[in-house]
C-alpha cells in the first residue's frame, strides 16, 4: 500500500512567550523559507529578541535580492556594519548580488571595489552579471578585463555571461578572443557556453 507524504507545515515564528531556539536553528529556518517568508520571519524573530550572527545574513540578502526588497537589503547592510560583519568576503559578495539584483549597480560597485584583493571569482561573477543584467554590457566587459589583470580565472558561468555581453554590445571581436581562450584552455563547453557562443556568430 502506497503512503502519501504529509504536507510540510508553513514556517512561522515561535509562539509568544516561548523560548527562542538557538541562533543556528533560527538560521536554518530562515534558509529553508521562501524569500518573502524569510523577510517576514526575520522581522518577527528580531522583534522577539533573536540574536543573529554572520551566517544569518547571506540567506536574508538573497531573499531581498529575489524579492527586489531594496529597503530591507539596505537595512541588513546597516546591521552588518553595526555588528562588524561587513568585511566578510561571503557577506560582501551577497551585498554585491543584492544591490545589483535590485538594480542598484552603483551601490553594488562601491561594495565590490572596497573588497579589493578579497574578490574571488564568485564576487567578480556577481558584479559582472549584475552589470550585464542591467544592460551595462561594455562595463561588464571592462570588468572582465580587469579581473584577468588580477589573475582571477573565470569559470564557465562567467564566460557565458561575458560572451552574451559581447553579443549584446556588438563586440564580436572580443567574443572571438574569449572563444579562443576557451579552446586553448580546454574548457568544457556546456549548454550555457554553447548558447553564448552562438550569440557571437
N, C-alpha and C. Protein backbone atom coordinates (compact mmCIF):
# COMPACT_ATOMS: atom_id res chain seq x y z
N UNK A 1 0.85 -1.20 0.00
CA UNK A 1 0.00 0.00 0.00
C UNK A 1 0.89 1.26 0.00
N UNK A 2 0.65 2.12 -0.95
CA UNK A 2 1.46 3.33 -1.07
C UNK A 2 0.98 4.40 -0.11
N UNK A 3 1.93 4.99 0.62
CA UNK A 3 1.57 6.04 1.57
C UNK A 3 1.81 7.40 0.96
N UNK A 4 1.03 8.38 1.39
CA UNK A 4 1.16 9.75 0.90
C UNK A 4 1.84 10.59 1.94
N UNK A 5 2.87 11.32 1.53
CA UNK A 5 3.62 12.16 2.47
C UNK A 5 2.74 13.29 2.97
N UNK A 6 2.89 13.57 4.25
CA UNK A 6 2.13 14.67 4.84
C UNK A 6 2.69 15.99 4.35
N UNK A 7 1.85 17.01 4.12
CA UNK A 7 2.34 18.31 3.67
C UNK A 7 3.20 18.97 4.74
N UNK A 8 4.21 19.72 4.29
CA UNK A 8 5.07 20.43 5.22
C UNK A 8 4.34 21.65 5.76
N UNK A 9 4.26 21.80 7.11
CA UNK A 9 3.54 22.94 7.67
C UNK A 9 4.25 24.24 7.35
N UNK A 10 3.52 25.36 7.23
CA UNK A 10 4.15 26.64 6.92
C UNK A 10 5.08 27.08 8.04
N UNK A 11 6.14 27.80 7.68
CA UNK A 11 7.08 28.30 8.67
C UNK A 11 6.45 29.46 9.42
N UNK A 12 6.74 29.53 10.68
CA UNK A 12 6.23 30.64 11.48
C UNK A 12 7.18 30.90 12.63
N UNK A 13 7.06 32.08 13.22
CA UNK A 13 7.87 32.41 14.38
C UNK A 13 7.35 31.62 15.59
N UNK A 14 8.23 31.35 16.58
CA UNK A 14 7.77 30.68 17.79
C UNK A 14 6.65 31.46 18.46
N UNK A 15 5.81 30.77 19.16
CA UNK A 15 4.66 31.41 19.81
C UNK A 15 5.14 32.41 20.86
N UNK A 16 4.43 33.52 21.02
CA UNK A 16 4.79 34.50 22.04
C UNK A 16 4.89 33.84 23.41
N UNK A 17 5.93 34.19 24.16
CA UNK A 17 6.11 33.63 25.48
C UNK A 17 6.99 32.39 25.49
N UNK A 18 7.20 31.78 24.33
CA UNK A 18 8.05 30.60 24.28
C UNK A 18 9.52 31.02 24.18
N UNK A 19 10.41 30.10 24.49
CA UNK A 19 11.84 30.39 24.41
C UNK A 19 12.31 30.26 22.97
N UNK A 20 13.08 31.25 22.51
CA UNK A 20 13.59 31.20 21.13
C UNK A 20 14.65 30.12 21.01
N UNK A 21 14.64 29.38 19.90
CA UNK A 21 15.68 28.38 19.68
C UNK A 21 17.05 29.04 19.55
N UNK A 22 18.10 28.20 19.54
CA UNK A 22 19.45 28.70 19.35
C UNK A 22 19.59 29.35 17.98
N UNK A 23 20.57 30.26 17.86
CA UNK A 23 20.75 31.04 16.64
C UNK A 23 20.90 30.15 15.41
N UNK A 24 21.68 29.06 15.51
CA UNK A 24 21.90 28.23 14.32
C UNK A 24 20.62 27.56 13.85
N UNK A 25 19.68 27.29 14.77
CA UNK A 25 18.40 26.71 14.38
C UNK A 25 17.53 27.77 13.69
N UNK A 26 17.59 29.00 14.18
CA UNK A 26 16.85 30.08 13.53
C UNK A 26 17.42 30.33 12.13
N UNK A 27 18.73 30.26 12.00
CA UNK A 27 19.35 30.44 10.68
C UNK A 27 18.86 29.38 9.70
N UNK A 28 18.76 28.13 10.16
CA UNK A 28 18.26 27.05 9.30
C UNK A 28 16.83 27.34 8.87
N UNK A 29 16.04 27.88 9.78
CA UNK A 29 14.64 28.19 9.45
C UNK A 29 14.57 29.28 8.39
N UNK A 30 15.42 30.30 8.51
CA UNK A 30 15.45 31.37 7.52
C UNK A 30 15.92 30.85 6.17
N UNK A 31 16.94 29.94 6.19
CA UNK A 31 17.49 29.41 4.96
C UNK A 31 16.48 28.58 4.18
N UNK A 32 15.62 27.87 4.90
CA UNK A 32 14.67 26.97 4.23
C UNK A 32 13.36 27.65 3.84
N UNK A 33 13.17 28.89 4.29
CA UNK A 33 11.91 29.60 3.97
C UNK A 33 11.95 30.19 2.58
N UNK A 34 10.79 30.30 1.91
CA UNK A 34 10.73 31.06 0.66
C UNK A 34 11.16 32.50 0.92
N UNK A 35 11.70 33.20 -0.08
CA UNK A 35 12.26 34.54 0.15
C UNK A 35 11.32 35.50 0.88
N UNK A 36 10.08 35.59 0.43
CA UNK A 36 9.15 36.55 1.05
C UNK A 36 8.83 36.15 2.49
N UNK A 37 8.83 34.83 2.77
CA UNK A 37 8.55 34.36 4.12
C UNK A 37 9.74 34.63 5.03
N UNK A 38 10.95 34.49 4.49
CA UNK A 38 12.15 34.75 5.28
C UNK A 38 12.20 36.21 5.75
N UNK A 39 11.80 37.13 4.88
CA UNK A 39 11.80 38.55 5.25
C UNK A 39 10.87 38.79 6.43
N UNK A 40 9.68 38.22 6.36
CA UNK A 40 8.71 38.39 7.45
C UNK A 40 9.18 37.72 8.73
N UNK A 41 9.72 36.53 8.58
CA UNK A 41 10.16 35.76 9.74
C UNK A 41 11.31 36.46 10.46
N UNK A 42 12.23 37.04 9.68
CA UNK A 42 13.34 37.77 10.28
C UNK A 42 12.83 38.91 11.15
N UNK A 43 11.87 39.68 10.63
CA UNK A 43 11.30 40.79 11.41
C UNK A 43 10.63 40.29 12.68
N UNK A 44 9.85 39.21 12.55
CA UNK A 44 9.14 38.66 13.71
C UNK A 44 10.12 38.22 14.80
N UNK A 45 11.14 37.50 14.39
CA UNK A 45 12.11 36.97 15.35
C UNK A 45 12.98 38.07 15.94
N UNK A 46 13.32 39.07 15.13
CA UNK A 46 14.12 40.19 15.64
C UNK A 46 13.34 40.95 16.71
N UNK A 47 12.05 41.16 16.47
CA UNK A 47 11.23 41.87 17.45
C UNK A 47 11.10 41.12 18.76
N UNK A 48 11.36 39.81 18.72
CA UNK A 48 11.29 38.98 19.93
C UNK A 48 12.64 38.79 20.58
N UNK A 49 13.65 39.51 20.05
CA UNK A 49 14.96 39.48 20.69
C UNK A 49 15.91 38.43 20.18
N UNK A 50 15.67 37.92 18.98
CA UNK A 50 16.57 36.91 18.42
C UNK A 50 17.97 37.49 18.27
N UNK A 51 18.98 36.68 18.56
CA UNK A 51 20.37 37.08 18.40
C UNK A 51 20.90 36.49 17.10
N UNK A 52 21.45 37.34 16.24
CA UNK A 52 21.91 36.89 14.93
C UNK A 52 23.43 36.84 14.87
N UNK A 53 23.94 36.05 13.94
CA UNK A 53 25.37 36.02 13.67
C UNK A 53 25.59 36.21 12.17
N UNK A 54 26.83 36.12 11.73
CA UNK A 54 27.12 36.43 10.32
C UNK A 54 26.50 35.42 9.36
N UNK A 55 26.18 34.23 9.84
CA UNK A 55 25.58 33.22 8.97
C UNK A 55 24.09 33.48 8.72
N UNK A 56 23.52 34.41 9.49
CA UNK A 56 22.11 34.77 9.31
C UNK A 56 21.90 35.51 7.99
N UNK A 57 22.87 36.34 7.60
CA UNK A 57 22.60 37.35 6.59
C UNK A 57 22.71 36.93 5.12
N UNK A 58 23.58 35.99 4.74
CA UNK A 58 23.56 35.59 3.33
C UNK A 58 22.18 35.17 2.81
N UNK A 59 21.42 34.31 3.55
CA UNK A 59 20.08 34.00 3.03
C UNK A 59 19.13 35.19 3.05
N UNK A 60 19.34 36.14 3.98
CA UNK A 60 18.48 37.30 4.02
C UNK A 60 18.79 38.25 2.86
N UNK A 61 20.07 38.40 2.53
CA UNK A 61 20.44 39.22 1.37
C UNK A 61 19.91 38.59 0.09
N UNK A 62 19.95 37.26 0.03
CA UNK A 62 19.41 36.57 -1.14
C UNK A 62 17.89 36.78 -1.23
N UNK A 63 17.21 36.73 -0.08
CA UNK A 63 15.76 36.95 -0.07
C UNK A 63 15.42 38.36 -0.53
N UNK A 64 16.21 39.34 -0.09
CA UNK A 64 15.98 40.73 -0.51
C UNK A 64 16.20 40.88 -2.01
N UNK A 65 17.23 40.21 -2.52
CA UNK A 65 17.52 40.25 -3.97
C UNK A 65 16.40 39.59 -4.76
N UNK A 66 15.96 38.42 -4.31
CA UNK A 66 14.93 37.68 -5.04
C UNK A 66 13.60 38.42 -5.08
N UNK A 67 13.28 39.18 -4.03
CA UNK A 67 12.01 39.88 -3.95
C UNK A 67 12.14 41.36 -4.30
N UNK A 68 13.37 41.77 -4.69
CA UNK A 68 13.65 43.18 -5.03
C UNK A 68 13.32 44.11 -3.86
N UNK A 69 13.55 43.62 -2.65
CA UNK A 69 13.25 44.38 -1.43
C UNK A 69 14.48 45.20 -1.04
N UNK A 70 14.73 46.29 -1.77
CA UNK A 70 15.95 47.06 -1.57
C UNK A 70 16.00 47.71 -0.19
N UNK A 71 14.86 48.15 0.36
CA UNK A 71 14.87 48.78 1.68
C UNK A 71 15.32 47.80 2.74
N UNK A 72 14.80 46.56 2.67
CA UNK A 72 15.22 45.54 3.62
C UNK A 72 16.70 45.21 3.43
N UNK A 73 17.13 45.13 2.16
CA UNK A 73 18.53 44.85 1.88
C UNK A 73 19.46 45.90 2.45
N UNK A 74 19.08 47.15 2.33
CA UNK A 74 19.89 48.23 2.88
C UNK A 74 19.89 48.19 4.41
N UNK A 75 18.76 47.78 4.99
CA UNK A 75 18.70 47.64 6.44
C UNK A 75 19.66 46.55 6.91
N UNK A 76 19.69 45.41 6.18
CA UNK A 76 20.61 44.34 6.54
C UNK A 76 22.06 44.81 6.42
N UNK A 77 22.34 45.62 5.40
CA UNK A 77 23.68 46.16 5.23
C UNK A 77 24.07 47.00 6.45
N UNK A 78 23.14 47.83 6.90
CA UNK A 78 23.41 48.64 8.08
C UNK A 78 23.66 47.79 9.31
N UNK A 79 22.87 46.73 9.49
CA UNK A 79 23.06 45.83 10.63
C UNK A 79 24.42 45.14 10.56
N UNK A 80 24.79 44.73 9.35
CA UNK A 80 26.08 44.06 9.18
C UNK A 80 27.24 44.98 9.54
N UNK A 81 27.14 46.24 9.17
CA UNK A 81 28.18 47.20 9.52
C UNK A 81 28.22 47.41 11.03
N UNK A 82 27.06 47.52 11.64
CA UNK A 82 26.97 47.73 13.08
C UNK A 82 27.54 46.55 13.86
N UNK A 83 27.32 45.33 13.33
CA UNK A 83 27.76 44.11 14.01
C UNK A 83 29.19 43.73 13.65
N UNK A 84 29.81 44.46 12.71
CA UNK A 84 31.19 44.21 12.36
C UNK A 84 31.41 43.06 11.40
N UNK A 85 30.35 42.70 10.62
CA UNK A 85 30.46 41.57 9.70
C UNK A 85 30.61 42.00 8.24
N UNK A 86 30.63 43.29 7.98
CA UNK A 86 30.56 43.77 6.59
C UNK A 86 31.85 43.55 5.81
N UNK A 87 32.92 43.08 6.46
CA UNK A 87 34.18 42.84 5.76
C UNK A 87 34.42 41.36 5.50
N UNK A 88 33.41 40.55 5.70
CA UNK A 88 33.49 39.12 5.39
C UNK A 88 33.22 38.94 3.89
N UNK A 89 34.11 38.22 3.18
CA UNK A 89 34.01 38.13 1.72
C UNK A 89 32.71 37.48 1.28
N UNK A 90 32.21 36.51 2.02
CA UNK A 90 30.97 35.84 1.66
C UNK A 90 29.79 36.80 1.78
N UNK A 91 29.81 37.61 2.83
CA UNK A 91 28.75 38.59 3.04
C UNK A 91 28.87 39.74 2.03
N UNK A 92 30.10 40.18 1.77
CA UNK A 92 30.30 41.25 0.79
C UNK A 92 29.78 40.84 -0.59
N UNK A 93 30.05 39.59 -0.96
CA UNK A 93 29.55 39.10 -2.25
C UNK A 93 28.03 39.08 -2.25
N UNK A 94 27.43 38.70 -1.13
CA UNK A 94 25.97 38.74 -1.01
C UNK A 94 25.42 40.15 -1.14
N UNK A 95 26.13 41.12 -0.59
CA UNK A 95 25.71 42.52 -0.70
C UNK A 95 25.79 42.99 -2.15
N UNK A 96 26.88 42.62 -2.84
CA UNK A 96 27.01 42.99 -4.25
C UNK A 96 25.83 42.42 -5.04
N UNK A 97 25.57 41.14 -4.85
CA UNK A 97 24.49 40.50 -5.60
C UNK A 97 23.13 41.11 -5.25
N UNK A 98 22.93 41.45 -3.98
CA UNK A 98 21.67 42.05 -3.57
C UNK A 98 21.46 43.40 -4.25
N UNK A 99 22.50 44.26 -4.21
CA UNK A 99 22.36 45.59 -4.79
C UNK A 99 22.15 45.53 -6.30
N UNK A 100 23.00 44.79 -7.00
CA UNK A 100 22.86 44.75 -8.46
C UNK A 100 21.58 44.03 -8.86
N UNK A 101 21.16 43.03 -8.07
CA UNK A 101 19.92 42.32 -8.36
C UNK A 101 18.70 43.21 -8.20
N UNK A 102 18.82 44.24 -7.36
CA UNK A 102 17.73 45.20 -7.17
C UNK A 102 17.89 46.41 -8.09
N UNK A 103 18.82 46.33 -9.04
CA UNK A 103 19.01 47.42 -9.99
C UNK A 103 19.86 48.56 -9.49
N UNK A 104 20.50 48.40 -8.33
CA UNK A 104 21.33 49.45 -7.76
C UNK A 104 22.80 49.13 -8.03
N UNK A 105 23.17 49.22 -9.30
CA UNK A 105 24.50 48.80 -9.74
C UNK A 105 25.60 49.65 -9.11
N UNK A 106 25.38 50.95 -8.98
CA UNK A 106 26.42 51.82 -8.44
C UNK A 106 26.71 51.49 -6.98
N UNK A 107 25.67 51.17 -6.18
CA UNK A 107 25.88 50.78 -4.79
C UNK A 107 26.62 49.44 -4.71
N UNK A 108 26.24 48.52 -5.62
CA UNK A 108 26.93 47.24 -5.67
C UNK A 108 28.40 47.42 -6.02
N UNK A 109 28.68 48.34 -6.93
CA UNK A 109 30.07 48.58 -7.34
C UNK A 109 30.89 49.15 -6.19
N UNK A 110 30.28 49.99 -5.35
CA UNK A 110 31.00 50.54 -4.21
C UNK A 110 31.44 49.42 -3.26
N UNK A 111 30.53 48.49 -2.97
CA UNK A 111 30.87 47.35 -2.11
C UNK A 111 31.96 46.51 -2.77
N UNK A 112 31.78 46.26 -4.06
CA UNK A 112 32.71 45.44 -4.83
C UNK A 112 34.11 46.03 -4.83
N UNK A 113 34.22 47.34 -5.07
CA UNK A 113 35.53 48.00 -5.11
C UNK A 113 36.21 47.97 -3.75
N UNK A 114 35.44 48.08 -2.67
CA UNK A 114 36.03 48.05 -1.33
C UNK A 114 36.58 46.67 -0.97
N UNK A 115 36.14 45.63 -1.68
CA UNK A 115 36.63 44.28 -1.39
C UNK A 115 38.10 44.12 -1.76
N UNK A 116 38.56 44.87 -2.76
CA UNK A 116 39.97 44.82 -3.14
C UNK A 116 40.43 43.41 -3.49
N UNK A 117 41.50 42.99 -2.87
CA UNK A 117 42.10 41.69 -3.18
C UNK A 117 41.29 40.51 -2.65
N UNK A 118 40.28 40.78 -1.86
CA UNK A 118 39.44 39.68 -1.35
C UNK A 118 38.47 39.16 -2.41
N UNK A 119 38.37 39.82 -3.54
CA UNK A 119 37.41 39.43 -4.57
C UNK A 119 37.82 38.11 -5.22
N UNK A 120 36.96 37.10 -5.11
CA UNK A 120 37.19 35.84 -5.79
C UNK A 120 36.32 35.77 -7.04
N UNK A 121 36.35 34.63 -7.73
CA UNK A 121 35.61 34.52 -8.98
C UNK A 121 34.10 34.67 -8.75
N UNK A 122 33.61 34.28 -7.57
CA UNK A 122 32.18 34.40 -7.27
C UNK A 122 31.79 35.88 -7.19
N UNK A 123 32.64 36.68 -6.54
CA UNK A 123 32.37 38.11 -6.42
C UNK A 123 32.42 38.79 -7.79
N UNK A 124 33.43 38.45 -8.59
CA UNK A 124 33.52 39.01 -9.94
C UNK A 124 32.30 38.61 -10.76
N UNK A 125 31.90 37.37 -10.63
CA UNK A 125 30.72 36.89 -11.36
C UNK A 125 29.48 37.69 -11.00
N UNK A 126 29.30 37.94 -9.68
CA UNK A 126 28.13 38.69 -9.22
C UNK A 126 28.10 40.09 -9.80
N UNK A 127 29.27 40.77 -9.81
CA UNK A 127 29.32 42.15 -10.29
C UNK A 127 29.16 42.22 -11.79
N UNK A 128 29.85 41.35 -12.50
CA UNK A 128 29.77 41.38 -13.97
C UNK A 128 28.38 40.98 -14.44
N UNK A 129 27.81 39.96 -13.82
CA UNK A 129 26.46 39.54 -14.19
C UNK A 129 25.46 40.65 -13.90
N UNK A 130 25.64 41.35 -12.76
CA UNK A 130 24.74 42.45 -12.43
C UNK A 130 24.79 43.57 -13.45
N UNK A 131 26.00 43.90 -13.92
CA UNK A 131 26.14 44.91 -14.96
C UNK A 131 25.40 44.49 -16.23
N UNK A 132 25.61 43.24 -16.62
CA UNK A 132 25.00 42.75 -17.87
C UNK A 132 23.48 42.68 -17.75
N UNK A 133 22.99 42.23 -16.59
CA UNK A 133 21.54 42.15 -16.40
C UNK A 133 20.88 43.52 -16.44
N UNK A 134 21.67 44.55 -16.08
CA UNK A 134 21.14 45.92 -16.08
C UNK A 134 21.39 46.63 -17.41
N UNK A 135 21.95 45.91 -18.39
CA UNK A 135 22.18 46.49 -19.71
C UNK A 135 23.50 47.20 -19.87
N UNK A 136 24.37 47.15 -18.85
CA UNK A 136 25.68 47.81 -18.93
C UNK A 136 26.70 46.80 -19.47
N UNK A 137 26.54 46.44 -20.74
CA UNK A 137 27.35 45.36 -21.31
C UNK A 137 28.82 45.73 -21.43
N UNK A 138 29.12 46.93 -21.89
CA UNK A 138 30.51 47.35 -22.04
C UNK A 138 31.20 47.41 -20.69
N UNK A 139 30.48 47.85 -19.66
CA UNK A 139 31.05 47.89 -18.32
C UNK A 139 31.36 46.47 -17.84
N UNK A 140 30.47 45.53 -18.15
CA UNK A 140 30.72 44.14 -17.80
C UNK A 140 31.97 43.60 -18.47
N UNK A 141 32.17 43.95 -19.74
CA UNK A 141 33.36 43.51 -20.47
C UNK A 141 34.62 44.13 -19.88
N UNK A 142 34.56 45.43 -19.52
CA UNK A 142 35.71 46.09 -18.90
C UNK A 142 36.07 45.44 -17.56
N UNK A 143 35.05 45.07 -16.80
CA UNK A 143 35.31 44.41 -15.53
C UNK A 143 35.96 43.05 -15.74
N UNK A 144 35.53 42.35 -16.80
CA UNK A 144 36.14 41.06 -17.10
C UNK A 144 37.62 41.23 -17.41
N UNK A 145 37.98 42.27 -18.16
CA UNK A 145 39.39 42.54 -18.46
C UNK A 145 40.16 42.86 -17.18
N UNK A 146 39.53 43.63 -16.29
CA UNK A 146 40.16 43.97 -15.01
C UNK A 146 40.38 42.71 -14.18
N UNK A 147 39.41 41.80 -14.21
CA UNK A 147 39.51 40.56 -13.47
C UNK A 147 40.71 39.74 -13.94
N UNK A 148 40.90 39.69 -15.24
CA UNK A 148 42.03 38.94 -15.79
C UNK A 148 43.37 39.55 -15.36
N UNK A 149 43.42 40.88 -15.26
CA UNK A 149 44.65 41.54 -14.82
C UNK A 149 44.94 41.25 -13.35
N UNK A 150 43.90 40.83 -12.61
CA UNK A 150 44.06 40.46 -11.20
C UNK A 150 44.36 38.97 -11.04
N UNK A 151 44.58 38.28 -12.17
CA UNK A 151 44.91 36.85 -12.18
C UNK A 151 43.84 35.97 -11.54
N UNK A 152 42.58 36.36 -11.73
CA UNK A 152 41.45 35.53 -11.30
C UNK A 152 40.94 34.78 -12.53
N UNK A 153 40.89 33.46 -12.45
CA UNK A 153 40.46 32.67 -13.59
C UNK A 153 38.94 32.59 -13.66
N UNK A 154 38.35 32.85 -14.82
CA UNK A 154 36.89 32.78 -14.96
C UNK A 154 36.42 31.33 -14.99
N UNK A 155 35.19 31.11 -14.51
CA UNK A 155 34.58 29.79 -14.65
C UNK A 155 33.63 29.81 -15.85
N UNK A 156 33.01 28.67 -16.11
CA UNK A 156 32.14 28.55 -17.29
C UNK A 156 30.97 29.53 -17.24
N UNK A 157 30.40 29.73 -16.05
CA UNK A 157 29.26 30.63 -15.92
C UNK A 157 29.64 32.06 -16.27
N UNK A 158 30.79 32.49 -15.78
CA UNK A 158 31.24 33.86 -16.05
C UNK A 158 31.56 34.04 -17.53
N UNK A 159 32.19 33.05 -18.12
CA UNK A 159 32.49 33.13 -19.55
C UNK A 159 31.21 33.24 -20.37
N UNK A 160 30.18 32.50 -19.97
CA UNK A 160 28.88 32.57 -20.66
C UNK A 160 28.31 33.98 -20.56
N UNK A 161 28.41 34.57 -19.36
CA UNK A 161 27.88 35.92 -19.14
C UNK A 161 28.59 36.94 -20.03
N UNK A 162 29.93 36.86 -20.08
CA UNK A 162 30.70 37.84 -20.85
C UNK A 162 30.49 37.64 -22.35
N UNK A 163 30.42 36.39 -22.79
CA UNK A 163 30.16 36.14 -24.21
C UNK A 163 28.81 36.72 -24.62
N UNK A 164 27.81 36.54 -23.78
CA UNK A 164 26.48 37.10 -24.07
C UNK A 164 26.55 38.62 -24.11
N UNK A 165 27.34 39.21 -23.20
CA UNK A 165 27.51 40.67 -23.19
C UNK A 165 28.16 41.14 -24.48
N UNK A 166 29.15 40.38 -24.97
CA UNK A 166 29.81 40.73 -26.24
C UNK A 166 28.80 40.73 -27.38
N UNK A 167 27.93 39.72 -27.38
CA UNK A 167 26.91 39.65 -28.42
C UNK A 167 25.93 40.80 -28.35
N UNK A 168 25.50 41.14 -27.13
CA UNK A 168 24.54 42.23 -26.96
C UNK A 168 25.17 43.59 -27.25
N UNK A 169 26.46 43.74 -26.96
CA UNK A 169 27.14 45.01 -27.19
C UNK A 169 27.67 45.13 -28.62
N UNK A 170 27.60 44.04 -29.38
CA UNK A 170 28.12 44.06 -30.74
C UNK A 170 29.63 43.98 -30.81
N UNK A 171 30.25 43.58 -29.68
CA UNK A 171 31.71 43.48 -29.62
C UNK A 171 32.12 42.04 -29.97
N UNK A 172 31.92 41.69 -31.24
CA UNK A 172 32.13 40.31 -31.66
C UNK A 172 33.60 39.92 -31.67
N UNK A 173 34.48 40.87 -31.93
CA UNK A 173 35.92 40.56 -31.97
C UNK A 173 36.41 40.11 -30.60
N UNK A 174 35.92 40.76 -29.54
CA UNK A 174 36.33 40.36 -28.19
C UNK A 174 35.72 39.01 -27.85
N UNK A 175 34.50 38.79 -28.32
CA UNK A 175 33.86 37.50 -28.11
C UNK A 175 34.66 36.37 -28.75
N UNK A 176 35.21 36.62 -29.94
CA UNK A 176 36.04 35.63 -30.62
C UNK A 176 37.31 35.34 -29.82
N UNK A 177 37.87 36.38 -29.18
CA UNK A 177 39.06 36.20 -28.35
C UNK A 177 38.75 35.30 -27.15
N UNK A 178 37.57 35.48 -26.57
CA UNK A 178 37.17 34.63 -25.45
C UNK A 178 36.97 33.20 -25.91
N UNK A 179 36.41 33.04 -27.11
CA UNK A 179 36.25 31.70 -27.68
C UNK A 179 37.61 31.02 -27.82
N UNK A 180 38.60 31.75 -28.30
CA UNK A 180 39.95 31.20 -28.43
C UNK A 180 40.52 30.80 -27.06
N UNK A 181 40.25 31.65 -26.05
CA UNK A 181 40.70 31.35 -24.68
C UNK A 181 40.09 30.04 -24.19
N UNK A 182 38.81 29.85 -24.48
CA UNK A 182 38.12 28.63 -24.07
C UNK A 182 38.76 27.40 -24.72
N UNK A 183 39.03 27.50 -26.00
CA UNK A 183 39.60 26.38 -26.73
C UNK A 183 41.04 26.09 -26.27
N UNK A 184 41.84 27.14 -26.09
CA UNK A 184 43.24 26.97 -25.69
C UNK A 184 43.37 26.37 -24.30
N UNK A 185 42.41 26.65 -23.42
CA UNK A 185 42.49 26.17 -22.04
C UNK A 185 41.68 24.91 -21.80
N UNK A 186 41.13 24.34 -22.88
CA UNK A 186 40.42 23.08 -22.76
C UNK A 186 39.20 23.13 -21.86
N UNK A 187 38.53 24.28 -21.85
CA UNK A 187 37.34 24.45 -21.00
C UNK A 187 36.16 23.73 -21.63
N UNK A 188 35.46 22.96 -20.82
CA UNK A 188 34.30 22.21 -21.31
C UNK A 188 33.19 23.17 -21.74
N UNK A 189 32.69 22.96 -22.93
CA UNK A 189 31.60 23.81 -23.43
C UNK A 189 30.27 23.17 -23.07
N UNK A 190 29.65 23.68 -22.00
CA UNK A 190 28.35 23.16 -21.58
C UNK A 190 27.24 23.87 -22.36
N UNK A 191 26.00 23.59 -22.01
CA UNK A 191 24.87 24.16 -22.75
C UNK A 191 24.83 25.68 -22.67
N UNK A 192 25.21 26.23 -21.49
CA UNK A 192 25.20 27.69 -21.33
C UNK A 192 26.25 28.35 -22.23
N UNK A 193 27.45 27.76 -22.22
CA UNK A 193 28.51 28.30 -23.07
C UNK A 193 28.16 28.16 -24.54
N UNK A 194 27.56 27.03 -24.91
CA UNK A 194 27.19 26.81 -26.30
C UNK A 194 26.22 27.87 -26.78
N UNK A 195 25.22 28.17 -25.94
CA UNK A 195 24.24 29.21 -26.28
C UNK A 195 24.91 30.58 -26.41
N UNK A 196 25.84 30.87 -25.47
CA UNK A 196 26.53 32.16 -25.51
C UNK A 196 27.41 32.28 -26.74
N UNK A 197 28.05 31.19 -27.14
CA UNK A 197 28.91 31.20 -28.33
C UNK A 197 28.10 31.48 -29.59
N UNK A 198 26.88 30.95 -29.62
CA UNK A 198 26.01 31.20 -30.77
C UNK A 198 25.72 32.70 -30.93
N UNK A 199 25.65 33.40 -29.78
CA UNK A 199 25.29 34.83 -29.81
C UNK A 199 26.37 35.70 -30.44
N UNK A 200 27.60 35.17 -30.61
CA UNK A 200 28.65 36.00 -31.20
C UNK A 200 28.98 35.56 -32.63
N UNK A 201 28.21 34.62 -33.17
CA UNK A 201 28.47 34.16 -34.53
C UNK A 201 27.83 35.11 -35.54
